[in-house]
Amino acid sequence: MAPNRGRINMASRRPGIPRPVRDQVLAEFNHRCAICGGERPHVHHIDGDPSNNDPSNLIPLCPNCHLTDQHNPTTPVDPAKLAMFRRFKDPTILSAEFEPLYARLRFLDNVDGATDFEASIRELISFVRALTMGQFYGDRLASMLKMPRNFALLYLEGSEYQQRKAEHQQDCRRVLIGGRDEVRRLAVELLRYQPWSKSNRTNSG
């Protein structure tokens, strides 16, 4: 009896989620489970810390999705991936199947420090083209991520070459920064056509 009472007392001492925060998170997902769209979800702490009531750490989950451990607190969700999920509301973004595509999108988050853009772009487009509907989406991405050419670099030397090369890199970064939100949107749109897509199964069911 004593251990049970202890668990009850510990549960009663857990800080509750403030009502305005709970209402905000539920409204964000139309008062439905963020994974399957089920009704009457519980608001769950992503990092497993019941005192961390930041809205970005909260997500509504139905009991079934909670039990299937969609989040796994031992390996917290990448904040950038979670932000992507909250923006597009596609549960496939949190699935293991999305990870290989997501890994190939990551270079878009660090274009300021990167220099070999074209290798990352080629890798992303090649991977996308291997997916269902990949030829269409790969062509769209190739058009959006086409890097500007600078043939003048072939005829320059020394400091002038280095200066122009740095300017060219900045031109490439501007293309990536200007297009990365649309690239992410297209990548998520592509998910609905995949046989393993959670959103595909949810919409068809």
Foldseek 3Di string as FASTA:
>chain_A
DVVVVVVVVVVVPQDAQDPVLVVVQCVLLVQAALQQRHHDFDWDFLLNRSVPNDSLRIGTHHPVVVVVCLRPNVDGDDSVLSVLCSVPSFNCSSDPVCVVLVVLLVVLVPLVPDQPVPVSLVVNLVVQCVFVVSVVLSVVSCVQLPQDDDPVLVVDDDPVNVVVSVVSSVSNNVSSNVCSVVNSVSSSVSLLRGPPGSVVVSVVD
